[in-house]
Amino acid sequence: MSERKFWMRWRVRVGYPVAVAYWLLASPTLRSIAYGVPVVVLGLAIRGAAAGYLRKDRELATSGPYARTRNPLYLGSAFLAAGFIVAGHSWIAGALVAVYFGVFYYAVMRNEERDLHDRFGPAFDDYSRRVPLFFPGFRKKASQVTDPVSTPGANFSGAQYRRNREYQALIGVIAGLATLFLRMWIHARWGY
């Protein structure tokens, strides 16, 4: 099994037990959920914006959010995770999610980098020199200025967002928040 497949497969396999443990350890309150939701919404917005520019396996995405970070989808996921950490109102549950995210997503990003290098070669190498891996860069260098008309995928596409099925993230967030409300109700009703 390739290293990339290993990390992708185990990210999912470990993710489910982490989610269950998070839910069991969480002590959400209305206030913690209210504080976490705006962070989650920011994560959804970042992921949604990125999905409208991403043409998987067809071209190297370098415009929109991809002009600031090579991994805006994972940056959005980090905000989703942070929002759920806040909403869960438990240091132990939050630490579990943070460690999971840090270990698996960093490894997946690095493996995807190798794939992109293999697929796009010098174009990816140039892009990776200009744009940070994860934390967004906001200073535009002269070499980063591109003509959006001549760059494929330079504009957001709602159709591309749908093709990438990014709406599933919204469905997952709604389900996740519903389980937190259920957890809050169980804790209030029975004390655990």
N, C-alpha and C. Protein backbone atom coordinates (compact mmCIF):
# COMPACT_ATOMS: atom_id res chain seq x y z
N MET A 1 0.85 -1.17 0.00
CA MET A 1 0.00 0.00 0.00
C MET A 1 0.90 1.24 0.00
N SER A 2 0.57 2.22 -0.85
CA SER A 2 1.36 3.44 -0.91
C SER A 2 1.17 4.24 0.37
N GLU A 3 2.13 5.13 0.62
CA GLU A 3 2.05 5.96 1.83
C GLU A 3 0.80 6.82 1.82
N ARG A 4 0.47 7.38 0.65
CA ARG A 4 -0.72 8.23 0.54
C ARG A 4 -1.98 7.43 0.88
N LYS A 5 -2.11 6.23 0.31
CA LYS A 5 -3.29 5.42 0.60
C LYS A 5 -3.35 5.04 2.07
N PHE A 6 -2.19 4.79 2.65
CA PHE A 6 -2.14 4.47 4.07
C PHE A 6 -2.76 5.59 4.89
N TRP A 7 -2.28 6.83 4.67
CA TRP A 7 -2.77 7.96 5.47
C TRP A 7 -4.23 8.27 5.17
N MET A 8 -4.63 8.16 3.93
CA MET A 8 -6.03 8.42 3.57
C MET A 8 -6.94 7.37 4.22
N ARG A 9 -6.56 6.11 4.11
CA ARG A 9 -7.38 5.03 4.68
C ARG A 9 -7.47 5.16 6.20
N TRP A 10 -6.32 5.38 6.85
CA TRP A 10 -6.33 5.44 8.30
C TRP A 10 -6.94 6.74 8.82
N ARG A 11 -6.93 7.80 8.04
CA ARG A 11 -7.59 9.05 8.45
C ARG A 11 -9.07 8.77 8.65
N VAL A 12 -9.66 7.99 7.76
CA VAL A 12 -11.09 7.66 7.87
C VAL A 12 -11.31 6.65 8.99
N ARG A 13 -10.50 5.60 9.01
CA ARG A 13 -10.69 4.54 10.02
C ARG A 13 -10.53 5.06 11.44
N VAL A 14 -9.59 5.94 11.66
CA VAL A 14 -9.37 6.49 13.00
C VAL A 14 -10.37 7.61 13.27
N GLY A 15 -10.83 8.27 12.22
CA GLY A 15 -11.75 9.39 12.39
C GLY A 15 -13.05 9.02 13.07
N TYR A 16 -13.60 7.87 12.75
CA TYR A 16 -14.87 7.47 13.36
C TYR A 16 -14.74 7.25 14.87
N PRO A 17 -13.76 6.49 15.35
CA PRO A 17 -13.63 6.35 16.80
C PRO A 17 -13.31 7.68 17.49
N VAL A 18 -12.54 8.54 16.82
CA VAL A 18 -12.25 9.86 17.40
C VAL A 18 -13.54 10.65 17.53
N ALA A 19 -14.39 10.58 16.52
CA ALA A 19 -15.67 11.30 16.58
C ALA A 19 -16.54 10.77 17.72
N VAL A 20 -16.58 9.47 17.89
CA VAL A 20 -17.38 8.89 18.98
C VAL A 20 -16.80 9.30 20.34
N ALA A 21 -15.49 9.22 20.49
CA ALA A 21 -14.85 9.61 21.75
C ALA A 21 -15.09 11.10 22.02
N TYR A 22 -14.96 11.93 20.99
CA TYR A 22 -15.24 13.37 21.13
C TYR A 22 -16.65 13.57 21.66
N TRP A 23 -17.62 12.88 21.06
CA TRP A 23 -19.01 13.05 21.46
C TRP A 23 -19.23 12.62 22.91
N LEU A 24 -18.62 11.51 23.29
CA LEU A 24 -18.78 11.01 24.67
C LEU A 24 -18.11 11.94 25.69
N LEU A 25 -17.01 12.58 25.29
CA LEU A 25 -16.27 13.45 26.21
C LEU A 25 -16.78 14.89 26.20
N ALA A 26 -17.54 15.26 25.20
CA ALA A 26 -18.02 16.64 25.05
C ALA A 26 -19.02 16.99 26.14
N SER A 27 -18.99 18.27 26.53
CA SER A 27 -19.96 18.81 27.49
C SER A 27 -20.51 20.12 26.94
N PRO A 28 -21.16 20.07 25.78
CA PRO A 28 -21.58 21.31 25.14
C PRO A 28 -22.64 22.06 25.94
N THR A 29 -22.58 23.36 25.81
CA THR A 29 -23.60 24.24 26.37
C THR A 29 -24.11 25.11 25.23
N LEU A 30 -25.22 25.78 25.46
CA LEU A 30 -25.71 26.69 24.43
C LEU A 30 -24.66 27.75 24.10
N ARG A 31 -23.99 28.23 25.14
CA ARG A 31 -22.95 29.25 24.93
C ARG A 31 -21.77 28.71 24.13
N SER A 32 -21.29 27.50 24.47
CA SER A 32 -20.14 26.96 23.73
C SER A 32 -20.51 26.69 22.27
N ILE A 33 -21.73 26.22 22.05
CA ILE A 33 -22.16 26.00 20.67
C ILE A 33 -22.27 27.33 19.94
N ALA A 34 -22.82 28.34 20.61
CA ALA A 34 -22.94 29.66 19.99
C ALA A 34 -21.57 30.24 19.65
N TYR A 35 -20.56 29.98 20.46
CA TYR A 35 -19.20 30.45 20.16
C TYR A 35 -18.55 29.62 19.05
N GLY A 36 -18.87 28.35 19.00
CA GLY A 36 -18.25 27.48 18.00
C GLY A 36 -18.85 27.62 16.61
N VAL A 37 -20.14 27.91 16.52
CA VAL A 37 -20.81 27.97 15.21
C VAL A 37 -20.19 28.99 14.25
N PRO A 38 -19.87 30.23 14.68
CA PRO A 38 -19.25 31.15 13.71
C PRO A 38 -17.91 30.63 13.16
N VAL A 39 -17.16 29.92 13.96
CA VAL A 39 -15.89 29.35 13.50
C VAL A 39 -16.17 28.25 12.48
N VAL A 40 -17.18 27.45 12.75
CA VAL A 40 -17.60 26.40 11.81
C VAL A 40 -18.06 27.02 10.49
N VAL A 41 -18.85 28.08 10.58
CA VAL A 41 -19.34 28.74 9.36
C VAL A 41 -18.17 29.29 8.54
N LEU A 42 -17.18 29.85 9.21
CA LEU A 42 -15.98 30.33 8.51
C LEU A 42 -15.30 29.16 7.79
N GLY A 43 -15.19 28.03 8.45
CA GLY A 43 -14.61 26.85 7.83
C GLY A 43 -15.38 26.40 6.61
N LEU A 44 -16.72 26.41 6.71
CA LEU A 44 -17.55 26.04 5.56
C LEU A 44 -17.34 27.02 4.41
N ALA A 45 -17.24 28.30 4.73
CA ALA A 45 -17.05 29.32 3.69
C ALA A 45 -15.71 29.12 2.98
N ILE A 46 -14.66 28.85 3.73
CA ILE A 46 -13.34 28.63 3.14
C ILE A 46 -13.37 27.40 2.25
N ARG A 47 -13.93 26.31 2.76
CA ARG A 47 -14.01 25.08 1.97
C ARG A 47 -14.86 25.30 0.72
N GLY A 48 -15.99 25.98 0.88
CA GLY A 48 -16.87 26.23 -0.26
C GLY A 48 -16.20 27.06 -1.33
N ALA A 49 -15.49 28.10 -0.91
CA ALA A 49 -14.77 28.94 -1.88
C ALA A 49 -13.72 28.12 -2.61
N ALA A 50 -12.99 27.30 -1.88
CA ALA A 50 -11.94 26.48 -2.50
C ALA A 50 -12.52 25.47 -3.48
N ALA A 51 -13.64 24.86 -3.11
CA ALA A 51 -14.24 23.84 -3.97
C ALA A 51 -14.68 24.40 -5.31
N GLY A 52 -15.02 25.67 -5.36
CA GLY A 52 -15.43 26.29 -6.62
C GLY A 52 -14.28 26.56 -7.57
N TYR A 53 -13.06 26.43 -7.09
CA TYR A 53 -11.87 26.63 -7.93
C TYR A 53 -11.16 25.33 -8.27
N LEU A 54 -11.47 24.27 -7.57
CA LEU A 54 -10.72 23.02 -7.68
C LEU A 54 -11.28 22.12 -8.78
N ARG A 55 -10.44 21.82 -9.75
CA ARG A 55 -10.77 20.87 -10.80
C ARG A 55 -9.84 19.67 -10.61
N LYS A 56 -10.27 18.78 -9.73
CA LYS A 56 -9.43 17.65 -9.31
C LYS A 56 -8.93 16.84 -10.50
N ASP A 57 -7.67 16.50 -10.43
CA ASP A 57 -7.01 15.63 -11.41
C ASP A 57 -6.99 16.20 -12.84
N ARG A 58 -7.40 17.47 -13.02
CA ARG A 58 -7.39 18.03 -14.37
C ARG A 58 -6.42 19.19 -14.51
N GLU A 59 -6.35 20.04 -13.48
CA GLU A 59 -5.44 21.18 -13.56
C GLU A 59 -5.00 21.59 -12.15
N LEU A 60 -3.90 22.28 -12.10
CA LEU A 60 -3.35 22.75 -10.83
C LEU A 60 -4.12 24.01 -10.42
N ALA A 61 -4.80 23.96 -9.30
CA ALA A 61 -5.55 25.12 -8.81
C ALA A 61 -4.58 26.12 -8.18
N THR A 62 -4.55 27.33 -8.71
CA THR A 62 -3.64 28.36 -8.20
C THR A 62 -4.34 29.70 -7.98
N SER A 63 -5.63 29.78 -8.26
CA SER A 63 -6.33 31.05 -8.11
C SER A 63 -7.34 30.97 -6.97
N GLY A 64 -7.98 32.09 -6.67
CA GLY A 64 -8.92 32.13 -5.56
C GLY A 64 -8.18 31.84 -4.26
N PRO A 65 -8.76 31.03 -3.39
CA PRO A 65 -8.09 30.69 -2.13
C PRO A 65 -6.75 29.99 -2.33
N TYR A 66 -6.60 29.32 -3.47
CA TYR A 66 -5.35 28.61 -3.77
C TYR A 66 -4.19 29.57 -4.06
N ALA A 67 -4.48 30.85 -4.23
CA ALA A 67 -3.42 31.85 -4.39
C ALA A 67 -2.83 32.24 -3.03
N ARG A 68 -3.48 31.87 -1.95
CA ARG A 68 -3.04 32.23 -0.60
C ARG A 68 -2.51 31.06 0.20
N THR A 69 -3.03 29.87 -0.06
CA THR A 69 -2.59 28.65 0.61
C THR A 69 -2.76 27.49 -0.36
N ARG A 70 -1.83 26.55 -0.32
CA ARG A 70 -1.94 25.40 -1.21
C ARG A 70 -3.02 24.42 -0.76
N ASN A 71 -3.51 24.60 0.45
CA ASN A 71 -4.48 23.65 1.00
C ASN A 71 -5.68 24.35 1.65
N PRO A 72 -6.44 25.14 0.88
CA PRO A 72 -7.57 25.83 1.49
C PRO A 72 -8.67 24.90 1.96
N LEU A 73 -8.83 23.75 1.33
CA LEU A 73 -9.84 22.81 1.82
C LEU A 73 -9.48 22.33 3.23
N TYR A 74 -8.21 22.02 3.44
CA TYR A 74 -7.79 21.57 4.76
C TYR A 74 -7.77 22.72 5.77
N LEU A 75 -7.47 23.93 5.30
CA LEU A 75 -7.58 25.08 6.18
C LEU A 75 -9.02 25.25 6.65
N GLY A 76 -9.96 25.12 5.72
CA GLY A 76 -11.37 25.17 6.09
C GLY A 76 -11.73 24.06 7.06
N SER A 77 -11.19 22.87 6.83
CA SER A 77 -11.43 21.76 7.75
C SER A 77 -10.86 22.05 9.13
N ALA A 78 -9.73 22.75 9.18
CA ALA A 78 -9.14 23.12 10.48
C ALA A 78 -10.09 24.05 11.23
N PHE A 79 -10.71 24.99 10.51
CA PHE A 79 -11.69 25.86 11.16
C PHE A 79 -12.92 25.07 11.60
N LEU A 80 -13.34 24.11 10.80
CA LEU A 80 -14.45 23.25 11.22
C LEU A 80 -14.10 22.52 12.51
N ALA A 81 -12.90 21.93 12.54
CA ALA A 81 -12.46 21.21 13.73
C ALA A 81 -12.38 22.15 14.93
N ALA A 82 -11.82 23.35 14.73
CA ALA A 82 -11.71 24.32 15.82
C ALA A 82 -13.08 24.72 16.34
N GLY A 83 -14.02 24.91 15.42
CA GLY A 83 -15.38 25.27 15.83
C GLY A 83 -16.03 24.17 16.66
N PHE A 84 -15.81 22.93 16.25
CA PHE A 84 -16.37 21.82 17.03
C PHE A 84 -15.63 21.64 18.36
N ILE A 85 -14.35 21.95 18.39
CA ILE A 85 -13.61 21.90 19.65
C ILE A 85 -14.22 22.91 20.64
N VAL A 86 -14.46 24.12 20.16
CA VAL A 86 -15.07 25.15 21.01
C VAL A 86 -16.48 24.72 21.42
N ALA A 87 -17.27 24.26 20.46
CA ALA A 87 -18.66 23.89 20.73
C ALA A 87 -18.74 22.73 21.72
N GLY A 88 -17.77 21.81 21.66
CA GLY A 88 -17.79 20.63 22.53
C GLY A 88 -17.52 20.93 23.99
N HIS A 89 -16.86 22.07 24.27
CA HIS A 89 -16.67 22.54 25.64
C HIS A 89 -15.99 21.50 26.54
N SER A 90 -14.96 20.85 26.00
CA SER A 90 -14.21 19.85 26.76
C SER A 90 -12.76 19.88 26.29
N TRP A 91 -11.84 20.13 27.22
CA TRP A 91 -10.43 20.17 26.85
C TRP A 91 -9.94 18.82 26.36
N ILE A 92 -10.40 17.76 26.98
CA ILE A 92 -9.95 16.42 26.59
C ILE A 92 -10.46 16.09 25.18
N ALA A 93 -11.75 16.32 24.95
CA ALA A 93 -12.31 16.06 23.61
C ALA A 93 -11.63 16.95 22.58
N GLY A 94 -11.40 18.20 22.93
CA GLY A 94 -10.74 19.12 22.01
C GLY A 94 -9.32 18.71 21.69
N ALA A 95 -8.59 18.27 22.69
CA ALA A 95 -7.21 17.83 22.47
C ALA A 95 -7.18 16.60 21.57
N LEU A 96 -8.12 15.70 21.77
CA LEU A 96 -8.21 14.51 20.94
C LEU A 96 -8.42 14.88 19.47
N VAL A 97 -9.34 15.80 19.21
CA VAL A 97 -9.61 16.24 17.84
C VAL A 97 -8.39 16.96 17.26
N ALA A 98 -7.76 17.82 18.06
CA ALA A 98 -6.61 18.59 17.58
C ALA A 98 -5.44 17.67 17.22
N VAL A 99 -5.17 16.68 18.04
CA VAL A 99 -4.08 15.74 17.76
C VAL A 99 -4.40 14.93 16.50
N TYR A 100 -5.61 14.44 16.42
CA TYR A 100 -6.03 13.70 15.23
C TYR A 100 -5.84 14.55 13.97
N PHE A 101 -6.34 15.77 14.00
CA PHE A 101 -6.23 16.65 12.84
C PHE A 101 -4.77 16.92 12.51
N GLY A 102 -3.98 17.27 13.51
CA GLY A 102 -2.58 17.58 13.27
C GLY A 102 -1.79 16.45 12.66
N VAL A 103 -2.00 15.26 13.15
CA VAL A 103 -1.24 14.10 12.67
C VAL A 103 -1.68 13.70 11.26
N PHE A 104 -2.97 13.47 11.10
CA PHE A 104 -3.44 12.92 9.83
C PHE A 104 -3.45 13.95 8.71
N TYR A 105 -3.90 15.15 8.97
CA TYR A 105 -4.00 16.11 7.88
C TYR A 105 -2.63 16.60 7.41
N TYR A 106 -1.69 16.72 8.31
CA TYR A 106 -0.34 17.09 7.88
C TYR A 106 0.24 16.01 6.97
N ALA A 107 0.09 14.75 7.37
CA ALA A 107 0.61 13.64 6.56
C ALA A 107 -0.09 13.59 5.21
N VAL A 108 -1.39 13.78 5.18
CA VAL A 108 -2.13 13.74 3.92
C VAL A 108 -1.70 14.90 3.02
N MET A 109 -1.52 16.09 3.58
CA MET A 109 -1.08 17.23 2.78
C MET A 109 0.27 16.95 2.14
N ARG A 110 1.19 16.42 2.90
CA ARG A 110 2.53 16.14 2.36
C ARG A 110 2.48 15.07 1.27
N ASN A 111 1.65 14.06 1.45
CA ASN A 111 1.51 13.03 0.42
C ASN A 111 0.87 13.60 -0.85
N GLU A 112 -0.12 14.45 -0.69
CA GLU A 112 -0.74 15.08 -1.85
C GLU A 112 0.26 15.99 -2.57
N GLU A 113 1.15 16.62 -1.81
CA GLU A 113 2.19 17.46 -2.42
C GLU A 113 3.05 16.63 -3.38
N ARG A 114 3.42 15.43 -2.94
CA ARG A 114 4.23 14.57 -3.80
C ARG A 114 3.46 14.19 -5.07
N ASP A 115 2.18 13.89 -4.92
CA ASP A 115 1.36 13.56 -6.09
C ASP A 115 1.28 14.74 -7.05
N LEU A 116 1.08 15.95 -6.51
CA LEU A 116 0.99 17.13 -7.37
C LEU A 116 2.32 17.41 -8.07
N HIS A 117 3.41 17.20 -7.35
CA HIS A 117 4.73 17.37 -7.96
C HIS A 117 4.89 16.39 -9.12
N ASP A 118 4.51 15.14 -8.89
CA ASP A 118 4.63 14.13 -9.94
C ASP A 118 3.75 14.47 -11.14
N ARG A 119 2.58 15.00 -10.89
CA ARG A 119 1.63 15.27 -11.97
C ARG A 119 1.95 16.56 -12.73
N PHE A 120 2.33 17.63 -12.00
CA PHE A 120 2.48 18.94 -12.62
C PHE A 120 3.91 19.45 -12.68
N GLY A 121 4.86 18.73 -12.08
CA GLY A 121 6.28 19.03 -12.19
C GLY A 121 6.68 20.46 -11.88
N PRO A 122 7.39 21.13 -12.80
CA PRO A 122 7.91 22.48 -12.54
C PRO A 122 6.82 23.52 -12.21
N ALA A 123 5.64 23.35 -12.81
CA ALA A 123 4.55 24.30 -12.50
C ALA A 123 4.19 24.21 -11.02
N PHE A 124 4.12 22.99 -10.48
CA PHE A 124 3.82 22.84 -9.05
C PHE A 124 4.98 23.34 -8.21
N ASP A 125 6.21 23.06 -8.61
CA ASP A 125 7.37 23.51 -7.85
C ASP A 125 7.39 25.04 -7.74
N ASP A 126 7.10 25.72 -8.84
CA ASP A 126 7.04 27.19 -8.84
C ASP A 126 5.92 27.66 -7.92
N TYR A 127 4.77 27.05 -8.05
CA TYR A 127 3.61 27.39 -7.20
C TYR A 127 3.94 27.18 -5.72
N SER A 128 4.56 26.06 -5.39
CA SER A 128 4.85 25.77 -3.99
C SER A 128 5.91 26.71 -3.41
N ARG A 129 6.75 27.28 -4.25
CA ARG A 129 7.72 28.28 -3.76
C ARG A 129 7.02 29.60 -3.43
N ARG A 130 5.94 29.90 -4.13
CA ARG A 130 5.25 31.18 -3.96
C ARG A 130 4.15 31.16 -2.91
N VAL A 131 3.53 30.01 -2.71
CA VAL A 131 2.33 29.93 -1.88
C VAL A 131 2.58 28.97 -0.72
N PRO A 132 2.27 29.40 0.51
CA PRO A 132 2.52 28.54 1.68
C PRO A 132 1.67 27.27 1.69
N LEU A 133 2.17 26.25 2.36
CA LEU A 133 1.51 24.95 2.45
C LEU A 133 0.13 25.06 3.10
N PHE A 134 0.04 25.75 4.24
CA PHE A 134 -1.20 25.71 5.02
C PHE A 134 -1.64 27.09 5.49
N PHE A 135 -0.82 27.76 6.27
CA PHE A 135 -1.20 29.07 6.79
C PHE A 135 -1.15 30.09 5.66
N PRO A 136 -2.25 30.80 5.41
CA PRO A 136 -2.32 31.67 4.23
C PRO A 136 -1.28 32.79 4.24
N GLY A 137 -0.78 33.07 3.07
CA GLY A 137 0.07 34.23 2.85
C GLY A 137 -0.78 35.34 2.27
N PHE A 138 -0.58 36.57 2.71
CA PHE A 138 -1.42 37.66 2.24
C PHE A 138 -0.64 38.73 1.49
N ARG A 139 0.66 38.60 1.43
CA ARG A 139 1.46 39.56 0.66
C ARG A 139 1.60 39.04 -0.75
N LYS A 140 1.20 39.83 -1.70
CA LYS A 140 1.29 39.42 -3.10
C LYS A 140 2.61 39.86 -3.68
N LYS A 141 3.36 38.92 -4.20
CA LYS A 141 4.61 39.21 -4.88
C LYS A 141 4.30 39.50 -6.34
N ALA A 142 5.18 40.22 -6.99
CA ALA A 142 4.98 40.55 -8.40
C ALA A 142 4.82 39.28 -9.23
N SER A 143 5.52 38.20 -8.86
CA SER A 143 5.45 36.96 -9.63
C SER A 143 4.12 36.23 -9.43
N GLN A 144 3.32 36.64 -8.42
CA GLN A 144 2.05 35.98 -8.17
C GLN A 144 0.90 36.62 -8.93
N VAL A 145 1.10 37.79 -9.46
CA VAL A 145 0.03 38.47 -10.17
C VAL A 145 -0.18 37.74 -11.49
N THR A 146 -1.40 37.28 -11.68
CA THR A 146 -1.73 36.57 -12.92
C THR A 146 -2.91 37.24 -13.59
N ASP A 147 -3.06 36.97 -14.86
CA ASP A 147 -4.20 37.47 -15.61
C ASP A 147 -5.34 36.48 -15.43
N PRO A 148 -6.39 36.84 -14.64
CA PRO A 148 -7.44 35.86 -14.37
C PRO A 148 -8.19 35.41 -15.62
N VAL A 149 -8.17 36.21 -16.67
CA VAL A 149 -8.87 35.82 -17.88
C VAL A 149 -8.15 34.67 -18.58
N SER A 150 -6.82 34.68 -18.54
CA SER A 150 -6.07 33.66 -19.27
C SER A 150 -5.73 32.44 -18.41
N THR A 151 -6.01 32.49 -17.13
CA THR A 151 -5.70 31.38 -16.24
C THR A 151 -6.92 30.47 -16.13
N PRO A 152 -6.81 29.18 -16.51
CA PRO A 152 -7.95 28.28 -16.38
C PRO A 152 -8.39 28.19 -14.91
N GLY A 153 -9.68 28.15 -14.69
CA GLY A 153 -10.20 28.01 -13.33
C GLY A 153 -9.97 29.22 -12.46
N ALA A 154 -9.75 30.39 -13.06
CA ALA A 154 -9.43 31.58 -12.28
C ALA A 154 -10.64 32.16 -11.57
N ASN A 155 -11.83 31.78 -11.97
CA ASN A 155 -13.04 32.31 -11.35
C ASN A 155 -13.80 31.20 -10.63
N PHE A 156 -14.48 31.59 -9.56
CA PHE A 156 -15.29 30.64 -8.82
C PHE A 156 -16.39 30.09 -9.72
N SER A 157 -16.65 28.80 -9.59
CA SER A 157 -17.70 28.14 -10.37
C SER A 157 -18.63 27.38 -9.43
N GLY A 158 -19.89 27.80 -9.41
CA GLY A 158 -20.89 27.09 -8.62
C GLY A 158 -21.07 25.65 -9.10
N ALA A 159 -20.97 25.47 -10.41
CA ALA A 159 -21.08 24.11 -10.97
C ALA A 159 -19.93 23.24 -10.47
N GLN A 160 -18.73 23.82 -10.39
CA GLN A 160 -17.58 23.07 -9.90
C GLN A 160 -17.75 22.74 -8.42
N TYR A 161 -18.27 23.68 -7.66
CA TYR A 161 -18.58 23.44 -6.24
C TYR A 161 -19.48 22.21 -6.12
N ARG A 162 -20.52 22.15 -6.94
CA ARG A 162 -21.44 21.00 -6.90
C ARG A 162 -20.76 19.72 -7.37
N ARG A 163 -19.95 19.81 -8.43
CA ARG A 163 -19.24 18.61 -8.92
C ARG A 163 -18.31 18.05 -7.84
N ASN A 164 -17.72 18.94 -7.05
CA ASN A 164 -16.85 18.50 -5.96
C ASN A 164 -17.65 18.05 -4.73
N ARG A 165 -18.96 18.15 -4.81
CA ARG A 165 -19.88 17.71 -3.74
C ARG A 165 -19.56 18.35 -2.39
N GLU A 166 -19.16 19.60 -2.42
CA GLU A 166 -18.79 20.28 -1.17
C GLU A 166 -20.01 20.51 -0.28
N TYR A 167 -21.20 20.49 -0.84
CA TYR A 167 -22.42 20.62 -0.04
C TYR A 167 -22.50 19.53 1.03
N GLN A 168 -21.77 18.43 0.83
CA GLN A 168 -21.75 17.37 1.84
C GLN A 168 -21.13 17.85 3.15
N ALA A 169 -20.22 18.81 3.08
CA ALA A 169 -19.63 19.36 4.31
C ALA A 169 -20.71 20.05 5.13
N LEU A 170 -21.59 20.79 4.47
CA LEU A 170 -22.70 21.45 5.17
C LEU A 170 -23.61 20.42 5.82
N ILE A 171 -23.92 19.37 5.10
CA ILE A 171 -24.77 18.31 5.66
C ILE A 171 -24.09 17.69 6.88
N GLY A 172 -22.78 17.44 6.78
CA GLY A 172 -22.03 16.88 7.91
C GLY A 172 -22.02 17.81 9.11
N VAL A 173 -21.88 19.11 8.86
CA VAL A 173 -21.88 20.08 9.96
C VAL A 173 -23.24 20.11 10.64
N ILE A 174 -24.30 20.10 9.86
CA ILE A 174 -25.65 20.10 10.46
C ILE A 174 -25.84 18.86 11.31
N ALA A 175 -25.41 17.71 10.79
CA ALA A 175 -25.52 16.46 11.57
C ALA A 175 -24.66 16.54 12.83
N GLY A 176 -23.44 17.07 12.70
CA GLY A 176 -22.55 17.19 13.86
C GLY A 176 -23.13 18.11 14.93
N LEU A 177 -23.69 19.22 14.51
CA LEU A 177 -24.29 20.14 15.48
C LEU A 177 -25.52 19.52 16.13
N ALA A 178 -26.28 18.76 15.36
CA ALA A 178 -27.45 18.07 15.93
C ALA A 178 -27.01 17.08 17.01
N THR A 179 -25.90 16.36 16.76
CA THR A 179 -25.42 15.42 17.78
C THR A 179 -24.91 16.15 19.02
N LEU A 180 -24.36 17.35 18.83
CA LEU A 180 -23.94 18.13 20.00
C LEU A 180 -25.14 18.58 20.83
N PHE A 181 -26.20 18.99 20.15
CA PHE A 181 -27.43 19.36 20.88
C PHE A 181 -28.00 18.14 21.61
N LEU A 182 -27.94 16.98 20.96
CA LEU A 182 -28.38 15.74 21.61
C LEU A 182 -27.51 15.46 22.83
N ARG A 183 -26.20 15.62 22.69
CA ARG A 183 -25.27 15.40 23.82
C ARG A 183 -25.57 16.36 24.96
N MET A 184 -25.84 17.62 24.63
CA MET A 184 -26.18 18.62 25.65
C MET A 184 -27.46 18.22 26.37
N TRP A 185 -28.44 17.76 25.63
CA TRP A 185 -29.71 17.35 26.23
C TRP A 185 -29.52 16.14 27.14
N ILE A 186 -28.76 15.15 26.69
CA ILE A 186 -28.49 13.96 27.51
C ILE A 186 -27.77 14.36 28.80
N HIS A 187 -26.78 15.24 28.66
CA HIS A 187 -26.02 15.68 29.84
C HIS A 187 -26.95 16.42 30.81
N ALA A 188 -27.80 17.29 30.31
CA ALA A 188 -28.72 18.03 31.17
C ALA A 188 -29.76 17.12 31.80
N ARG A 189 -30.23 16.14 31.06
CA ARG A 189 -31.30 15.28 31.53
C ARG A 189 -30.82 14.23 32.52
N TRP A 190 -29.68 13.58 32.20
CA TRP A 190 -29.21 12.46 33.01
C TRP A 190 -27.85 12.68 33.65
N GLY A 191 -27.20 13.78 33.34
CA GLY A 191 -25.93 14.09 34.00
C GLY A 191 -24.72 13.39 33.42
N TYR A 192 -24.83 12.76 32.30
CA TYR A 192 -23.66 12.16 31.65
C TYR A 192 -23.75 12.29 30.16
